[in-house]
Amino acid sequence: RLRKELWAYTDDRISVRFEYEWHDAA
């Protein structure tokens, strides 16, 4: 499960910060 947040942008570029959570097979 992921959440992204816009950090900055220019004409053809975008920067994001994100966090996601998950679990492994164990």
PDB file of all heavy atoms in Angstrom:
ATOM      1  N   ARG A   1       0.866  -1.195   0.000  1.00  0.00           N
ATOM      2  CA  ARG A   1       0.000   0.000   0.000  1.00  0.00           C
ATOM      3  C   ARG A   1       0.890   1.229   0.000  1.00  0.00           C
ATOM      4  O   ARG A   1       1.781   1.351   0.840  1.00  0.00           O
ATOM      5  CB  ARG A   1      -0.912  -0.010   1.215  1.00  0.00           C
ATOM      6  CG  ARG A   1      -1.931   1.072   1.197  1.00  0.00           C
ATOM      7  CD  ARG A   1      -3.037   0.748   0.199  1.00  0.00           C
ATOM      8  NE  ARG A   1      -3.999   1.824   0.213  1.00  0.00           N
ATOM      9  CZ  ARG A   1      -4.629   2.259  -0.856  1.00  0.00           C
ATOM     10  NH1 ARG A   1      -4.436   1.699  -2.016  1.00  0.00           N
ATOM     11  NH2 ARG A   1      -5.477   3.250  -0.759  1.00  0.00           N
ATOM     12  N   LEU A   2       0.641   2.163  -0.930  1.00  0.00           N
ATOM     13  CA  LEU A   2       1.519   3.295  -1.204  1.00  0.00           C
ATOM     14  C   LEU A   2       0.796   4.632  -1.077  1.00  0.00           C
ATOM     15  O   LEU A   2      -0.382   4.746  -1.429  1.00  0.00           O
ATOM     16  CB  LEU A   2       2.034   3.149  -2.646  1.00  0.00           C
ATOM     17  CG  LEU A   2       2.711   4.337  -3.304  1.00  0.00           C
ATOM     18  CD1 LEU A   2       4.115   4.543  -2.747  1.00  0.00           C
ATOM     19  CD2 LEU A   2       2.759   4.123  -4.805  1.00  0.00           C
ATOM     20  N   ARG A   3       1.519   5.639  -0.614  1.00  0.00           N
ATOM     21  CA  ARG A   3       1.080   7.043  -0.628  1.00  0.00           C
ATOM     22  C   ARG A   3       2.198   7.870  -1.245  1.00  0.00           C
ATOM     23  O   ARG A   3       3.362   7.729  -0.859  1.00  0.00           O
ATOM     24  CB  ARG A   3       0.792   7.576   0.773  1.00  0.00           C
ATOM     25  CG  ARG A   3      -0.422   6.982   1.405  1.00  0.00           C
ATOM     26  CD  ARG A   3      -1.700   7.600   0.807  1.00  0.00           C
ATOM     27  NE  ARG A   3      -2.854   7.071   1.466  1.00  0.00           N
ATOM     28  CZ  ARG A   3      -3.699   6.191   0.936  1.00  0.00           C
ATOM     29  NH1 ARG A   3      -3.521   5.758  -0.280  1.00  0.00           N
ATOM     30  NH2 ARG A   3      -4.729   5.761   1.598  1.00  0.00           N
ATOM     31  N   LYS A   4       1.848   8.740  -2.203  1.00  0.00           N
ATOM     32  CA  LYS A   4       2.806   9.652  -2.840  1.00  0.00           C
ATOM     33  C   LYS A   4       2.374  11.084  -2.558  1.00  0.00           C
ATOM     34  O   LYS A   4       1.183  11.367  -2.446  1.00  0.00           O
ATOM     35  CB  LYS A   4       2.855   9.445  -4.357  1.00  0.00           C
ATOM     36  CG  LYS A   4       3.495   8.137  -4.776  1.00  0.00           C
ATOM     37  CD  LYS A   4       3.620   8.064  -6.292  1.00  0.00           C
ATOM     38  CE  LYS A   4       4.193   6.753  -6.752  1.00  0.00           C
ATOM     39  NZ  LYS A   4       5.626   6.660  -6.638  1.00  0.00           N
ATOM     40  N   GLU A   5       3.351  11.992  -2.478  1.00  0.00           N
ATOM     41  CA  GLU A   5       3.080  13.405  -2.246  1.00  0.00           C
ATOM     42  C   GLU A   5       3.945  14.225  -3.194  1.00  0.00           C
ATOM     43  O   GLU A   5       5.159  14.002  -3.286  1.00  0.00           O
ATOM     44  CB  GLU A   5       3.422  13.763  -0.799  1.00  0.00           C
ATOM     45  CG  GLU A   5       3.284  15.219  -0.474  1.00  0.00           C
ATOM     46  CD  GLU A   5       3.807  15.565   0.918  1.00  0.00           C
ATOM     47  OE1 GLU A   5       4.309  14.666   1.634  1.00  0.00           O
ATOM     48  OE2 GLU A   5       3.736  16.735   1.277  1.00  0.00           O
ATOM     49  N   LEU A   6       3.326  15.161  -3.887  1.00  0.00           N
ATOM     50  CA  LEU A   6       4.065  16.065  -4.760  1.00  0.00           C
ATOM     51  C   LEU A   6       5.047  16.869  -3.930  1.00  0.00           C
ATOM     52  O   LEU A   6       4.688  17.438  -2.898  1.00  0.00           O
ATOM     53  CB  LEU A   6       3.099  17.010  -5.482  1.00  0.00           C
ATOM     54  CG  LEU A   6       3.740  18.092  -6.348  1.00  0.00           C
ATOM     55  CD1 LEU A   6       4.503  17.473  -7.519  1.00  0.00           C
ATOM     56  CD2 LEU A   6       2.665  19.060  -6.843  1.00  0.00           C
ATOM     57  N   TRP A   7       6.290  16.922  -4.373  1.00  0.00           N
ATOM     58  CA  TRP A   7       7.327  17.685  -3.681  1.00  0.00           C
ATOM     59  C   TRP A   7       7.650  18.946  -4.467  1.00  0.00           C
ATOM     60  O   TRP A   7       7.732  20.029  -3.910  1.00  0.00           O
ATOM     61  CB  TRP A   7       8.561  16.808  -3.486  1.00  0.00           C
ATOM     62  CG  TRP A   7       9.529  17.342  -2.505  1.00  0.00           C
ATOM     63  CD1 TRP A   7      10.707  17.979  -2.773  1.00  0.00           C
ATOM     64  CD2 TRP A   7       9.430  17.305  -1.084  1.00  0.00           C
ATOM     65  NE1 TRP A   7      11.338  18.325  -1.608  1.00  0.00           N
ATOM     66  CE2 TRP A   7      10.574  17.924  -0.553  1.00  0.00           C
ATOM     67  CE3 TRP A   7       8.468  16.794  -0.204  1.00  0.00           C
ATOM     68  CZ2 TRP A   7      10.799  18.058   0.807  1.00  0.00           C
ATOM     69  CZ3 TRP A   7       8.700  16.917   1.153  1.00  0.00           C
ATOM     70  CH2 TRP A   7       9.842  17.539   1.648  1.00  0.00           C
ATOM     71  N   ALA A   8       7.854  18.808  -5.788  1.00  0.00           N
ATOM     72  CA  ALA A   8       8.179  19.945  -6.645  1.00  0.00           C
ATOM     73  C   ALA A   8       7.906  19.551  -8.099  1.00  0.00           C
ATOM     74  O   ALA A   8       7.767  18.375  -8.410  1.00  0.00           O
ATOM     75  CB  ALA A   8       9.649  20.330  -6.481  1.00  0.00           C
ATOM     76  N   TYR A   9       7.835  20.561  -8.976  1.00  0.00           N
ATOM     77  CA  TYR A   9       7.638  20.287 -10.400  1.00  0.00           C
ATOM     78  C   TYR A   9       8.236  21.423 -11.231  1.00  0.00           C
ATOM     79  O   TYR A   9       8.436  22.526 -10.733  1.00  0.00           O
ATOM     80  CB  TYR A   9       6.151  20.109 -10.739  1.00  0.00           C
ATOM     81  CG  TYR A   9       5.360  21.384 -10.587  1.00  0.00           C
ATOM     82  CD1 TYR A   9       5.158  22.233 -11.669  1.00  0.00           C
ATOM     83  CD2 TYR A   9       4.850  21.756  -9.353  1.00  0.00           C
ATOM     84  CE1 TYR A   9       4.462  23.419 -11.520  1.00  0.00           C
ATOM     85  CE2 TYR A   9       4.154  22.940  -9.198  1.00  0.00           C
ATOM     86  CZ  TYR A   9       3.960  23.762 -10.283  1.00  0.00           C
ATOM     87  OH  TYR A   9       3.278  24.936 -10.141  1.00  0.00           O
ATOM     88  N   THR A  10       8.557  21.104 -12.480  1.00  0.00           N
ATOM     89  CA  THR A  10       8.946  22.084 -13.485  1.00  0.00           C
ATOM     90  C   THR A  10       8.181  21.723 -14.751  1.00  0.00           C
ATOM     91  O   THR A  10       7.238  20.929 -14.699  1.00  0.00           O
ATOM     92  CB  THR A  10      10.471  22.078 -13.757  1.00  0.00           C
ATOM     93  OG1 THR A  10      10.835  20.812 -14.294  1.00  0.00           O
ATOM     94  CG2 THR A  10      11.269  22.368 -12.507  1.00  0.00           C
ATOM     95  N   ASP A  11       8.597  22.239 -15.874  1.00  0.00           N
ATOM     96  CA  ASP A  11       7.868  22.002 -17.125  1.00  0.00           C
ATOM     97  C   ASP A  11       7.593  20.532 -17.401  1.00  0.00           C
ATOM     98  O   ASP A  11       6.461  20.138 -17.617  1.00  0.00           O
ATOM     99  CB  ASP A  11       8.629  22.608 -18.309  1.00  0.00           C
ATOM    100  CG  ASP A  11       8.610  24.132 -18.294  1.00  0.00           C
ATOM    101  OD1 ASP A  11       7.715  24.712 -17.650  1.00  0.00           O
ATOM    102  OD2 ASP A  11       9.494  24.728 -18.916  1.00  0.00           O
ATOM    103  N   ASP A  12       8.640  19.691 -17.407  1.00  0.00           N
ATOM    104  CA  ASP A  12       8.458  18.282 -17.754  1.00  0.00           C
ATOM    105  C   ASP A  12       8.973  17.329 -16.678  1.00  0.00           C
ATOM    106  O   ASP A  12       9.174  16.150 -16.945  1.00  0.00           O
ATOM    107  CB  ASP A  12       9.115  17.954 -19.094  1.00  0.00           C
ATOM    108  CG  ASP A  12      10.634  18.093 -19.077  1.00  0.00           C
ATOM    109  OD1 ASP A  12      11.185  18.651 -18.103  1.00  0.00           O
ATOM    110  OD2 ASP A  12      11.264  17.636 -20.050  1.00  0.00           O
ATOM    111  N   ARG A  13       9.166  17.853 -15.478  1.00  0.00           N
ATOM    112  CA  ARG A  13       9.682  17.019 -14.379  1.00  0.00           C
ATOM    113  C   ARG A  13       8.825  17.178 -13.134  1.00  0.00           C
ATOM    114  O   ARG A  13       8.303  18.249 -12.859  1.00  0.00           O
ATOM    115  CB  ARG A  13      11.122  17.396 -14.045  1.00  0.00           C
ATOM    116  CG  ARG A  13      12.055  17.086 -15.186  1.00  0.00           C
ATOM    117  CD  ARG A  13      13.455  17.477 -14.874  1.00  0.00           C
ATOM    118  NE  ARG A  13      14.317  17.108 -15.993  1.00  0.00           N
ATOM    119  CZ  ARG A  13      15.599  17.323 -16.028  1.00  0.00           C
ATOM    120  NH1 ARG A  13      16.214  17.887 -15.001  1.00  0.00           N
ATOM    121  NH2 ARG A  13      16.302  16.970 -17.075  1.00  0.00           N
ATOM    122  N   ILE A  14       8.750  16.085 -12.366  1.00  0.00           N
ATOM    123  CA  ILE A  14       8.023  16.067 -11.092  1.00  0.00           C
ATOM    124  C   ILE A  14       8.883  15.331 -10.084  1.00  0.00           C
ATOM    125  O   ILE A  14       9.495  14.308 -10.393  1.00  0.00           O
ATOM    126  CB  ILE A  14       6.649  15.361 -11.233  1.00  0.00           C
ATOM    127  CG1 ILE A  14       5.731  16.165 -12.160  1.00  0.00           C
ATOM    128  CG2 ILE A  14       6.001  15.159  -9.866  1.00  0.00           C
ATOM    129  CD1 ILE A  14       4.397  15.494 -12.442  1.00  0.00           C
ATOM    130  N   SER A  15       8.912  15.845  -8.863  1.00  0.00           N
ATOM    131  CA  SER A  15       9.600  15.186  -7.755  1.00  0.00           C
ATOM    132  C   SER A  15       8.559  14.847  -6.697  1.00  0.00           C
ATOM    133  O   SER A  15       7.695  15.666  -6.387  1.00  0.00           O
ATOM    134  CB  SER A  15      10.662  16.132  -7.179  1.00  0.00           C
ATOM    135  OG  SER A  15      11.310  15.532  -6.087  1.00  0.00           O
ATOM    136  N   VAL A  16       8.631  13.622  -6.183  1.00  0.00           N
ATOM    137  CA  VAL A  16       7.684  13.179  -5.149  1.00  0.00           C
ATOM    138  C   VAL A  16       8.432  12.568  -3.975  1.00  0.00           C
ATOM    139  O   VAL A  16       9.563  12.112  -4.104  1.00  0.00           O
ATOM    140  CB  VAL A  16       6.668  12.134  -5.689  1.00  0.00           C
ATOM    141  CG1 VAL A  16       5.834  12.709  -6.808  1.00  0.00           C
ATOM    142  CG2 VAL A  16       7.339  10.859  -6.125  1.00  0.00           C
ATOM    143  N   ARG A  17       7.777  12.601  -2.819  1.00  0.00           N
ATOM    144  CA  ARG A  17       8.205  11.809  -1.671  1.00  0.00           C
ATOM    145  C   ARG A  17       7.116  10.771  -1.482  1.00  0.00           C
ATOM    146  O   ARG A  17       5.965  10.991  -1.874  1.00  0.00           O
ATOM    147  CB  ARG A  17       8.412  12.661  -0.419  1.00  0.00           C
ATOM    148  CG  ARG A  17       7.119  13.248   0.117  1.00  0.00           C
ATOM    149  CD  ARG A  17       7.151  13.650   1.576  1.00  0.00           C
ATOM    150  NE  ARG A  17       7.364  12.538   2.463  1.00  0.00           N
ATOM    151  CZ  ARG A  17       6.434  11.669   2.863  1.00  0.00           C
ATOM    152  NH1 ARG A  17       5.194  11.764   2.444  1.00  0.00           N
ATOM    153  NH2 ARG A  17       6.733  10.703   3.684  1.00  0.00           N
ATOM    154  N   PHE A  18       7.473   9.625  -0.944  1.00  0.00           N
ATOM    155  CA  PHE A  18       6.473   8.574  -0.787  1.00  0.00           C
ATOM    156  C   PHE A  18       6.829   7.693   0.394  1.00  0.00           C
ATOM    157  O   PHE A  18       7.943   7.709   0.910  1.00  0.00           O
ATOM    158  CB  PHE A  18       6.355   7.722  -2.061  1.00  0.00           C
ATOM    159  CG  PHE A  18       7.612   6.980  -2.413  1.00  0.00           C
ATOM    160  CD1 PHE A  18       7.879   5.738  -1.883  1.00  0.00           C
ATOM    161  CD2 PHE A  18       8.534   7.548  -3.267  1.00  0.00           C
ATOM    162  CE1 PHE A  18       9.050   5.053  -2.198  1.00  0.00           C
ATOM    163  CE2 PHE A  18       9.708   6.877  -3.595  1.00  0.00           C
ATOM    164  CZ  PHE A  18       9.962   5.628  -3.061  1.00  0.00           C
ATOM    165  N   GLU A  19       5.823   6.942   0.815  1.00  0.00           N
ATOM    166  CA  GLU A  19       6.052   5.838   1.739  1.00  0.00           C
ATOM    167  C   GLU A  19       5.064   4.752   1.374  1.00  0.00           C
ATOM    168  O   GLU A  19       3.980   5.015   0.861  1.00  0.00           O
ATOM    169  CB  GLU A  19       5.955   6.251   3.202  1.00  0.00           C
ATOM    170  CG  GLU A  19       4.606   6.593   3.714  1.00  0.00           C
ATOM    171  CD  GLU A  19       4.639   6.957   5.202  1.00  0.00           C
ATOM    172  OE1 GLU A  19       5.663   7.423   5.715  1.00  0.00           O
ATOM    173  OE2 GLU A  19       3.608   6.755   5.839  1.00  0.00           O
ATOM    174  N   TYR A  20       5.509   3.521   1.591  1.00  0.00           N
ATOM    175  CA  TYR A  20       4.608   2.396   1.396  1.00  0.00           C
ATOM    176  C   TYR A  20       4.881   1.353   2.462  1.00  0.00           C
ATOM    177  O   TYR A  20       5.938   1.340   3.087  1.00  0.00           O
ATOM    178  CB  TYR A  20       4.688   1.814  -0.024  1.00  0.00           C
ATOM    179  CG  TYR A  20       6.008   1.268  -0.495  1.00  0.00           C
ATOM    180  CD1 TYR A  20       6.339  -0.072  -0.317  1.00  0.00           C
ATOM    181  CD2 TYR A  20       6.911   2.075  -1.171  1.00  0.00           C
ATOM    182  CE1 TYR A  20       7.532  -0.593  -0.788  1.00  0.00           C
ATOM    183  CE2 TYR A  20       8.107   1.569  -1.658  1.00  0.00           C
ATOM    184  CZ  TYR A  20       8.416   0.231  -1.463  1.00  0.00           C
ATOM    185  OH  TYR A  20       9.598  -0.280  -1.947  1.00  0.00           O
ATOM    186  N   GLU A  21       3.864   0.530   2.691  1.00  0.00           N
ATOM    187  CA  GLU A  21       3.967  -0.545   3.678  1.00  0.00           C
ATOM    188  C   GLU A  21       3.635  -1.862   2.989  1.00  0.00           C
ATOM    189  O   GLU A  21       2.840  -1.909   2.055  1.00  0.00           O
ATOM    190  CB  GLU A  21       3.014  -0.290   4.845  1.00  0.00           C
ATOM    191  CG  GLU A  21       3.423   0.932   5.652  1.00  0.00           C
ATOM    192  CD  GLU A  21       2.445   1.305   6.751  1.00  0.00           C
ATOM    193  OE1 GLU A  21       1.305   0.766   6.775  1.00  0.00           O
ATOM    194  OE2 GLU A  21       2.813   2.143   7.582  1.00  0.00           O
ATOM    195  N   TRP A  22       4.248  -2.905   3.497  1.00  0.00           N
ATOM    196  CA  TRP A  22       4.098  -4.236   2.940  1.00  0.00           C
ATOM    197  C   TRP A  22       4.638  -5.237   3.952  1.00  0.00           C
ATOM    198  O   TRP A  22       5.270  -4.858   4.922  1.00  0.00           O
ATOM    199  CB  TRP A  22       4.856  -4.343   1.608  1.00  0.00           C
ATOM    200  CG  TRP A  22       6.307  -3.986   1.711  1.00  0.00           C
ATOM    201  CD1 TRP A  22       6.839  -2.721   1.751  1.00  0.00           C
ATOM    202  CD2 TRP A  22       7.415  -4.881   1.816  1.00  0.00           C
ATOM    203  NE1 TRP A  22       8.213  -2.784   1.870  1.00  0.00           N
ATOM    204  CE2 TRP A  22       8.592  -4.094   1.901  1.00  0.00           C
ATOM    205  CE3 TRP A  22       7.535  -6.270   1.830  1.00  0.00           C
ATOM    206  CZ2 TRP A  22       9.867  -4.655   2.004  1.00  0.00           C
ATOM    207  CZ3 TRP A  22       8.804  -6.824   1.932  1.00  0.00           C
ATOM    208  CH2 TRP A  22       9.950  -6.019   2.015  1.00  0.00           C
ATOM    209  N   HIS A  23       4.343  -6.507   3.727  1.00  0.00           N
ATOM    210  CA  HIS A  23       4.965  -7.533   4.564  1.00  0.00           C
ATOM    211  C   HIS A  23       5.583  -8.602   3.678  1.00  0.00           C
ATOM    212  O   HIS A  23       5.184  -8.806   2.537  1.00  0.00           O
ATOM    213  CB  HIS A  23       3.983  -8.137   5.587  1.00  0.00           C
ATOM    214  CG  HIS A  23       2.896  -8.968   4.993  1.00  0.00           C
ATOM    215  ND1 HIS A  23       3.054 -10.290   4.668  1.00  0.00           N
ATOM    216  CD2 HIS A  23       1.613  -8.664   4.677  1.00  0.00           C
ATOM    217  CE1 HIS A  23       1.926 -10.775   4.184  1.00  0.00           C
ATOM    218  NE2 HIS A  23       1.028  -9.791   4.165  1.00  0.00           N
ATOM    219  N   ASP A  24       6.589  -9.268   4.239  1.00  0.00           N
ATOM    220  CA  ASP A  24       7.260 -10.340   3.505  1.00  0.00           C
ATOM    221  C   ASP A  24       6.552 -11.661   3.780  1.00  0.00           C
ATOM    222  O   ASP A  24       5.572 -11.728   4.539  1.00  0.00           O
ATOM    223  CB  ASP A  24       8.757 -10.376   3.842  1.00  0.00           C
ATOM    224  CG  ASP A  24       9.044 -10.582   5.322  1.00  0.00           C
ATOM    225  OD1 ASP A  24       8.210 -11.181   6.047  1.00  0.00           O
ATOM    226  OD2 ASP A  24      10.124 -10.145   5.762  1.00  0.00           O
ATOM    227  N   ALA A  25       7.035 -12.728   3.176  1.00  0.00           N
ATOM    228  CA  ALA A  25       6.412 -14.048   3.310  1.00  0.00           C
ATOM    229  C   ALA A  25       6.447 -14.565   4.739  1.00  0.00           C
ATOM    230  O   ALA A  25       5.598 -15.369   5.134  1.00  0.00           O
ATOM    231  CB  ALA A  25       7.092 -15.038   2.370  1.00  0.00           C
ATOM    232  N   ALA A  26       7.406 -14.090   5.544  1.00  0.00           N
ATOM    233  CA  ALA A  26       7.504 -14.513   6.944  1.00  0.00           C
ATOM    234  C   ALA A  26       6.560 -13.727   7.849  1.00  0.00           C
ATOM    235  O   ALA A  26       6.460 -14.026   9.038  1.00  0.00           O
ATOM    236  CB  ALA A  26       8.944 -14.355   7.436  1.00  0.00           C
TER     237      ALA A  26
END
